[in-house]
Amino acid sequence: MELERPPEEPALGRLGQIAVPTLIVVGEQDIPDVHAHSGALEPGIRGATRVVLPGSGHLPHLEVSDAFNRIVLEFLA
């Protein structure tokens, strides 16, 4: 029995279907691929907010937790 199947359409083309507030958080020093992906997500999701946190890499929630928590709490408010 096959439990997995590929999506019928690539996810990038379906980003416009997301209809909820979306926060994209990326560390300033993360790898270029992560910045490229987050840069593609932002315009694809209507009203998305992208925040680049200085002084962090791939784990901003651990590396700059105070700044990360502030950004997330402001977004949720």
PDB file of N, CA and C in Angstrom:
ATOM      1  N   MET A   1       0.835  -1.175   0.000  1.00  0.00           N
ATOM      2  CA  MET A   1       0.000   0.000   0.000  1.00  0.00           C
ATOM      3  C   MET A   1       0.883   1.242   0.000  1.00  0.00           C
ATOM      4  N   GLU A   2       0.619   2.131  -0.917  1.00  0.00           N
ATOM      5  CA  GLU A   2       1.397   3.368  -1.015  1.00  0.00           C
ATOM      6  C   GLU A   2       0.781   4.421  -0.096  1.00  0.00           C
ATOM      7  N   LEU A   3       1.580   4.927   0.838  1.00  0.00           N
ATOM      8  CA  LEU A   3       1.076   5.902   1.798  1.00  0.00           C
ATOM      9  C   LEU A   3       1.355   7.338   1.384  1.00  0.00           C
ATOM     10  N   GLU A   4       2.291   7.517   0.475  1.00  0.00           N
ATOM     11  CA  GLU A   4       2.639   8.864   0.046  1.00  0.00           C
ATOM     12  C   GLU A   4       2.358   9.032  -1.434  1.00  0.00           C
ATOM     13  N   ARG A   5       1.976  10.247  -1.780  1.00  0.00           N
ATOM     14  CA  ARG A   5       1.818  10.557  -3.196  1.00  0.00           C
ATOM     15  C   ARG A   5       2.267  11.998  -3.395  1.00  0.00           C
ATOM     16  N   PRO A   6       2.854  12.295  -4.515  1.00  0.00           N
ATOM     17  CA  PRO A   6       3.307  13.661  -4.756  1.00  0.00           C
ATOM     18  C   PRO A   6       2.122  14.601  -4.932  1.00  0.00           C
ATOM     19  N   PRO A   7       2.300  15.870  -4.583  1.00  0.00           N
ATOM     20  CA  PRO A   7       1.220  16.826  -4.817  1.00  0.00           C
ATOM     21  C   PRO A   7       0.912  16.924  -6.306  1.00  0.00           C
ATOM     22  N   GLU A   8      -0.313  17.236  -6.600  1.00  0.00           N
ATOM     23  CA  GLU A   8      -0.718  17.335  -7.995  1.00  0.00           C
ATOM     24  C   GLU A   8      -0.089  18.544  -8.681  1.00  0.00           C
ATOM     25  N   GLU A   9       0.212  19.561  -7.915  1.00  0.00           N
ATOM     26  CA  GLU A   9       0.784  20.793  -8.443  1.00  0.00           C
ATOM     27  C   GLU A   9       1.873  21.252  -7.475  1.00  0.00           C
ATOM     28  N   PRO A  10       2.991  21.783  -7.959  1.00  0.00           N
ATOM     29  CA  PRO A  10       4.036  22.242  -7.050  1.00  0.00           C
ATOM     30  C   PRO A  10       3.507  23.273  -6.042  1.00  0.00           C
ATOM     31  N   ALA A  11       4.028  23.229  -4.842  1.00  0.00           N
ATOM     32  CA  ALA A  11       3.549  24.103  -3.765  1.00  0.00           C
ATOM     33  C   ALA A  11       3.734  25.581  -4.103  1.00  0.00           C
ATOM     34  N   LEU A  12       4.811  25.934  -4.776  1.00  0.00           N
ATOM     35  CA  LEU A  12       5.069  27.343  -5.085  1.00  0.00           C
ATOM     36  C   LEU A  12       3.902  27.964  -5.853  1.00  0.00           C
ATOM     37  N   GLY A  13       3.319  27.224  -6.745  1.00  0.00           N
ATOM     38  CA  GLY A  13       2.195  27.730  -7.519  1.00  0.00           C
ATOM     39  C   GLY A  13       0.894  27.798  -6.740  1.00  0.00           C
ATOM     40  N   ARG A  14       0.864  27.183  -5.554  1.00  0.00           N
ATOM     41  CA  ARG A  14      -0.350  27.170  -4.744  1.00  0.00           C
ATOM     42  C   ARG A  14      -0.283  28.116  -3.550  1.00  0.00           C
ATOM     43  N   LEU A  15       0.797  28.873  -3.420  1.00  0.00           N
ATOM     44  CA  LEU A  15       0.936  29.765  -2.271  1.00  0.00           C
ATOM     45  C   LEU A  15      -0.204  30.770  -2.171  1.00  0.00           C
ATOM     46  N   GLY A  16      -0.738  31.190  -3.293  1.00  0.00           N
ATOM     47  CA  GLY A  16      -1.835  32.146  -3.304  1.00  0.00           C
ATOM     48  C   GLY A  16      -3.100  31.619  -2.656  1.00  0.00           C
ATOM     49  N   GLN A  17      -3.170  30.325  -2.426  1.00  0.00           N
ATOM     50  CA  GLN A  17      -4.331  29.735  -1.764  1.00  0.00           C
ATOM     51  C   GLN A  17      -4.296  29.944  -0.250  1.00  0.00           C
ATOM     52  N   ILE A  18      -3.150  30.331   0.270  1.00  0.00           N
ATOM     53  CA  ILE A  18      -3.041  30.565   1.714  1.00  0.00           C
ATOM     54  C   ILE A  18      -3.766  31.866   2.034  1.00  0.00           C
ATOM     55  N   ALA A  19      -4.751  31.769   2.904  1.00  0.00           N
ATOM     56  CA  ALA A  19      -5.605  32.923   3.184  1.00  0.00           C
ATOM     57  C   ALA A  19      -5.605  33.276   4.669  1.00  0.00           C
ATOM     58  N   VAL A  20      -4.496  33.061   5.328  1.00  0.00           N
ATOM     59  CA  VAL A  20      -4.367  33.409   6.740  1.00  0.00           C
ATOM     60  C   VAL A  20      -3.116  34.271   6.907  1.00  0.00           C
ATOM     61  N   PRO A  21      -3.076  35.096   7.944  1.00  0.00           N
ATOM     62  CA  PRO A  21      -1.868  35.884   8.186  1.00  0.00           C
ATOM     63  C   PRO A  21      -0.650  34.959   8.317  1.00  0.00           C
ATOM     64  N   THR A  22       0.429  35.340   7.678  1.00  0.00           N
ATOM     65  CA  THR A  22       1.617  34.488   7.633  1.00  0.00           C
ATOM     66  C   THR A  22       2.853  35.295   7.984  1.00  0.00           C
ATOM     67  N   LEU A  23       3.621  34.789   8.937  1.00  0.00           N
ATOM     68  CA  LEU A  23       4.882  35.407   9.341  1.00  0.00           C
ATOM     69  C   LEU A  23       6.015  34.496   8.900  1.00  0.00           C
ATOM     70  N   ILE A  24       6.963  35.060   8.185  1.00  0.00           N
ATOM     71  CA  ILE A  24       8.142  34.327   7.723  1.00  0.00           C
ATOM     72  C   ILE A  24       9.332  34.924   8.456  1.00  0.00           C
ATOM     73  N   VAL A  25      10.015  34.108   9.247  1.00  0.00           N
ATOM     74  CA  VAL A  25      11.151  34.585  10.035  1.00  0.00           C
ATOM     75  C   VAL A  25      12.398  33.867   9.541  1.00  0.00           C
ATOM     76  N   VAL A  26      13.431  34.644   9.264  1.00  0.00           N
ATOM     77  CA  VAL A  26      14.693  34.076   8.790  1.00  0.00           C
ATOM     78  C   VAL A  26      15.839  34.789   9.489  1.00  0.00           C
ATOM     79  N   GLY A  27      16.885  34.052   9.786  1.00  0.00           N
ATOM     80  CA  GLY A  27      18.074  34.640  10.392  1.00  0.00           C
ATOM     81  C   GLY A  27      18.939  35.311   9.340  1.00  0.00           C
ATOM     82  N   GLU A  28      19.459  36.446   9.685  1.00  0.00           N
ATOM     83  CA  GLU A  28      20.285  37.232   8.762  1.00  0.00           C
ATOM     84  C   GLU A  28      21.450  36.418   8.192  1.00  0.00           C
ATOM     85  N   GLN A  29      22.033  35.557   9.014  1.00  0.00           N
ATOM     86  CA  GLN A  29      23.224  34.812   8.601  1.00  0.00           C
ATOM     87  C   GLN A  29      22.910  33.401   8.119  1.00  0.00           C
ATOM     88  N   ASP A  30      21.640  33.121   7.866  1.00  0.00           N
ATOM     89  CA  ASP A  30      21.284  31.796   7.357  1.00  0.00           C
ATOM     90  C   ASP A  30      21.828  31.643   5.931  1.00  0.00           C
ATOM     91  N   ILE A  31      21.782  30.435   5.420  1.00  0.00           N
ATOM     92  CA  ILE A  31      22.365  30.157   4.104  1.00  0.00           C
ATOM     93  C   ILE A  31      21.538  30.823   2.996  1.00  0.00           C
ATOM     94  N   PRO A  32      22.167  31.095   1.873  1.00  0.00           N
ATOM     95  CA  PRO A  32      21.473  31.765   0.775  1.00  0.00           C
ATOM     96  C   PRO A  32      20.194  31.063   0.316  1.00  0.00           C
ATOM     97  N   ASP A  33      20.168  29.736   0.340  1.00  0.00           N
ATOM     98  CA  ASP A  33      18.963  29.019  -0.087  1.00  0.00           C
ATOM     99  C   ASP A  33      17.758  29.368   0.781  1.00  0.00           C
ATOM    100  N   VAL A  34      17.967  29.500   2.079  1.00  0.00           N
ATOM    101  CA  VAL A  34      16.856  29.839   2.974  1.00  0.00           C
ATOM    102  C   VAL A  34      16.350  31.242   2.663  1.00  0.00           C
ATOM    103  N   HIS A  35      17.263  32.169   2.394  1.00  0.00           N
ATOM    104  CA  HIS A  35      16.844  33.531   2.031  1.00  0.00           C
ATOM    105  C   HIS A  35      16.101  33.530   0.695  1.00  0.00           C
ATOM    106  N   ALA A  36      16.555  32.710  -0.232  1.00  0.00           N
ATOM    107  CA  ALA A  36      15.879  32.630  -1.525  1.00  0.00           C
ATOM    108  C   ALA A  36      14.478  32.046  -1.368  1.00  0.00           C
ATOM    109  N   HIS A  37      14.358  31.004  -0.578  1.00  0.00           N
ATOM    110  CA  HIS A  37      13.042  30.389  -0.365  1.00  0.00           C
ATOM    111  C   HIS A  37      12.101  31.335   0.361  1.00  0.00           C
ATOM    112  N   SER A  38      12.589  31.989   1.400  1.00  0.00           N
ATOM    113  CA  SER A  38      11.709  32.922   2.123  1.00  0.00           C
ATOM    114  C   SER A  38      11.355  34.107   1.226  1.00  0.00           C
ATOM    115  N   GLY A  39      12.277  34.495   0.366  1.00  0.00           N
ATOM    116  CA  GLY A  39      11.998  35.568  -0.583  1.00  0.00           C
ATOM    117  C   GLY A  39      10.954  35.174  -1.608  1.00  0.00           C
ATOM    118  N   ALA A  40      10.849  33.890  -1.923  1.00  0.00           N
ATOM    119  CA  ALA A  40       9.813  33.412  -2.846  1.00  0.00           C
ATOM    120  C   ALA A  40       8.472  33.262  -2.138  1.00  0.00           C
ATOM    121  N   LEU A  41       8.504  32.912  -0.872  1.00  0.00           N
ATOM    122  CA  LEU A  41       7.261  32.749  -0.117  1.00  0.00           C
ATOM    123  C   LEU A  41       6.541  34.080   0.086  1.00  0.00           C
ATOM    124  N   GLU A  42       7.297  35.098   0.428  1.00  0.00           N
ATOM    125  CA  GLU A  42       6.686  36.388   0.783  1.00  0.00           C
ATOM    126  C   GLU A  42       5.756  36.940  -0.308  1.00  0.00           C
ATOM    127  N   PRO A  43       6.197  37.077  -1.550  1.00  0.00           N
ATOM    128  CA  PRO A  43       5.267  37.616  -2.555  1.00  0.00           C
ATOM    129  C   PRO A  43       4.186  36.620  -2.972  1.00  0.00           C
ATOM    130  N   GLY A  44       4.426  35.336  -2.736  1.00  0.00           N
ATOM    131  CA  GLY A  44       3.458  34.323  -3.129  1.00  0.00           C
ATOM    132  C   GLY A  44       2.266  34.217  -2.197  1.00  0.00           C
ATOM    133  N   ILE A  45       2.453  34.648  -0.937  1.00  0.00           N
ATOM    134  CA  ILE A  45       1.379  34.577   0.056  1.00  0.00           C
ATOM    135  C   ILE A  45       0.879  35.993   0.288  1.00  0.00           C
ATOM    136  N   ARG A  46      -0.330  36.251  -0.116  1.00  0.00           N
ATOM    137  CA  ARG A  46      -0.902  37.596  -0.004  1.00  0.00           C
ATOM    138  C   ARG A  46      -0.835  38.104   1.430  1.00  0.00           C
ATOM    139  N   GLY A  47      -0.217  39.265   1.618  1.00  0.00           N
ATOM    140  CA  GLY A  47      -0.144  39.892   2.927  1.00  0.00           C
ATOM    141  C   GLY A  47       0.881  39.286   3.862  1.00  0.00           C
ATOM    142  N   ALA A  48       1.737  38.399   3.367  1.00  0.00           N
ATOM    143  CA  ALA A  48       2.759  37.789   4.227  1.00  0.00           C
ATOM    144  C   ALA A  48       3.741  38.850   4.703  1.00  0.00           C
ATOM    145  N   THR A  49       4.256  38.624   5.888  1.00  0.00           N
ATOM    146  CA  THR A  49       5.269  39.500   6.462  1.00  0.00           C
ATOM    147  C   THR A  49       6.546  38.695   6.652  1.00  0.00           C
ATOM    148  N   ARG A  50       7.640  39.206   6.105  1.00  0.00           N
ATOM    149  CA  ARG A  50       8.936  38.537   6.266  1.00  0.00           C
ATOM    150  C   ARG A  50       9.822  39.403   7.127  1.00  0.00           C
ATOM    151  N   VAL A  51      10.435  38.788   8.135  1.00  0.00           N
ATOM    152  CA  VAL A  51      11.331  39.486   9.040  1.00  0.00           C
ATOM    153  C   VAL A  51      12.679  38.776   9.017  1.00  0.00           C
ATOM    154  N   VAL A  52      13.738  39.541   8.822  1.00  0.00           N
ATOM    155  CA  VAL A  52      15.101  39.015   8.880  1.00  0.00           C
ATOM    156  C   VAL A  52      15.687  39.473  10.204  1.00  0.00           C
ATOM    157  N   LEU A  53      16.033  38.516  11.066  1.00  0.00           N
ATOM    158  CA  LEU A  53      16.552  38.850  12.385  1.00  0.00           C
ATOM    159  C   LEU A  53      18.075  38.921  12.375  1.00  0.00           C
ATOM    160  N   PRO A  54      18.620  40.109  12.677  1.00  0.00           N
ATOM    161  CA  PRO A  54      20.066  40.261  12.724  1.00  0.00           C
ATOM    162  C   PRO A  54      20.686  39.422  13.839  1.00  0.00           C
ATOM    163  N   GLY A  55      21.915  39.026  13.626  1.00  0.00           N
ATOM    164  CA  GLY A  55      22.662  38.315  14.649  1.00  0.00           C
ATOM    165  C   GLY A  55      22.273  36.862  14.822  1.00  0.00           C
ATOM    166  N   SER A  56      21.575  36.311  13.835  1.00  0.00           N
ATOM    167  CA  SER A  56      21.190  34.906  13.946  1.00  0.00           C
ATOM    168  C   SER A  56      21.382  34.202  12.616  1.00  0.00           C
ATOM    169  N   GLY A  57      21.454  32.887  12.720  1.00  0.00           N
ATOM    170  CA  GLY A  57      21.584  32.052  11.536  1.00  0.00           C
ATOM    171  C   GLY A  57      20.311  31.265  11.317  1.00  0.00           C
ATOM    172  N   HIS A  58      20.429  29.949  11.314  1.00  0.00           N
ATOM    173  CA  HIS A  58      19.303  29.083  10.985  1.00  0.00           C
ATOM    174  C   HIS A  58      18.320  28.888  12.143  1.00  0.00           C
ATOM    175  N   LEU A  59      18.722  29.224  13.352  1.00  0.00           N
ATOM    176  CA  LEU A  59      17.872  28.982  14.522  1.00  0.00           C
ATOM    177  C   LEU A  59      17.599  30.268  15.294  1.00  0.00           C
ATOM    178  N   PRO A  60      16.950  31.255  14.674  1.00  0.00           N
ATOM    179  CA  PRO A  60      16.745  32.525  15.375  1.00  0.00           C
ATOM    180  C   PRO A  60      15.936  32.391  16.657  1.00  0.00           C
ATOM    181  N   HIS A  61      15.060  31.393  16.735  1.00  0.00           N
ATOM    182  CA  HIS A  61      14.281  31.204  17.955  1.00  0.00           C
ATOM    183  C   HIS A  61      15.162  30.807  19.138  1.00  0.00           C
ATOM    184  N   LEU A  62      16.353  30.278  18.863  1.00  0.00           N
ATOM    185  CA  LEU A  62      17.315  29.953  19.920  1.00  0.00           C
ATOM    186  C   LEU A  62      18.425  30.998  20.022  1.00  0.00           C
ATOM    187  N   GLU A  63      18.877  31.515  18.896  1.00  0.00           N
ATOM    188  CA  GLU A  63      20.037  32.404  18.861  1.00  0.00           C
ATOM    189  C   GLU A  63      19.720  33.827  19.308  1.00  0.00           C
ATOM    190  N   VAL A  64      18.554  34.326  18.962  1.00  0.00           N
ATOM    191  CA  VAL A  64      18.127  35.671  19.379  1.00  0.00           C
ATOM    192  C   VAL A  64      16.680  35.571  19.875  1.00  0.00           C
ATOM    193  N   SER A  65      16.506  34.764  20.911  1.00  0.00           N
ATOM    194  CA  SER A  65      15.153  34.417  21.346  1.00  0.00           C
ATOM    195  C   SER A  65      14.322  35.621  21.779  1.00  0.00           C
ATOM    196  N   ASP A  66      14.933  36.614  22.403  1.00  0.00           N
ATOM    197  CA  ASP A  66      14.165  37.793  22.822  1.00  0.00           C
ATOM    198  C   ASP A  66      13.576  38.518  21.606  1.00  0.00           C
ATOM    199  N   ALA A  67      14.396  38.727  20.589  1.00  0.00           N
ATOM    200  CA  ALA A  67      13.928  39.399  19.378  1.00  0.00           C
ATOM    201  C   ALA A  67      12.889  38.535  18.659  1.00  0.00           C
ATOM    202  N   PHE A  68      13.151  37.252  18.584  1.00  0.00           N
ATOM    203  CA  PHE A  68      12.216  36.342  17.930  1.00  0.00           C
ATOM    204  C   PHE A  68      10.856  36.372  18.639  1.00  0.00           C
ATOM    205  N   ASN A  69      10.874  36.244  19.955  1.00  0.00           N
ATOM    206  CA  ASN A  69       9.622  36.239  20.718  1.00  0.00           C
ATOM    207  C   ASN A  69       8.864  37.554  20.554  1.00  0.00           C
ATOM    208  N   ARG A  70       9.580  38.668  20.554  1.00  0.00           N
ATOM    209  CA  ARG A  70       8.935  39.972  20.384  1.00  0.00           C
ATOM    210  C   ARG A  70       8.227  40.056  19.032  1.00  0.00           C
ATOM    211  N   ILE A  71       8.922  39.636  17.973  1.00  0.00           N
ATOM    212  CA  ILE A  71       8.356  39.674  16.620  1.00  0.00           C
ATOM    213  C   ILE A  71       7.117  38.785  16.516  1.00  0.00           C
ATOM    214  N   VAL A  72       7.210  37.587  17.060  1.00  0.00           N
ATOM    215  CA  VAL A  72       6.086  36.649  16.978  1.00  0.00           C
ATOM    216  C   VAL A  72       4.905  37.163  17.797  1.00  0.00           C
ATOM    217  N   LEU A  73       5.156  37.667  19.002  1.00  0.00           N
ATOM    218  CA  LEU A  73       4.062  38.167  19.838  1.00  0.00           C
ATOM    219  C   LEU A  73       3.396  39.398  19.206  1.00  0.00           C
ATOM    220  N   GLU A  74       4.189  40.279  18.602  1.00  0.00           N
ATOM    221  CA  GLU A  74       3.607  41.434  17.900  1.00  0.00           C
ATOM    222  C   GLU A  74       2.737  40.957  16.734  1.00  0.00           C
ATOM    223  N   PHE A  75       3.212  39.983  16.011  1.00  0.00           N
ATOM    224  CA  PHE A  75       2.455  39.449  14.887  1.00  0.00           C
ATOM    225  C   PHE A  75       1.137  38.828  15.358  1.00  0.00           C
ATOM    226  N   LEU A  76       1.197  38.067  16.427  1.00  0.00           N
ATOM    227  CA  LEU A  76      -0.001  37.398  16.932  1.00  0.00           C
ATOM    228  C   LEU A  76      -1.017  38.375  17.517  1.00  0.00           C
ATOM    229  N   ALA A  77      -0.516  39.502  18.017  1.00  0.00           N
ATOM    230  CA  ALA A  77      -1.418  40.514  18.594  1.00  0.00           C
ATOM    231  C   ALA A  77      -2.227  41.155  17.497  1.00  0.00           C
TER     232      ALA A  77
END
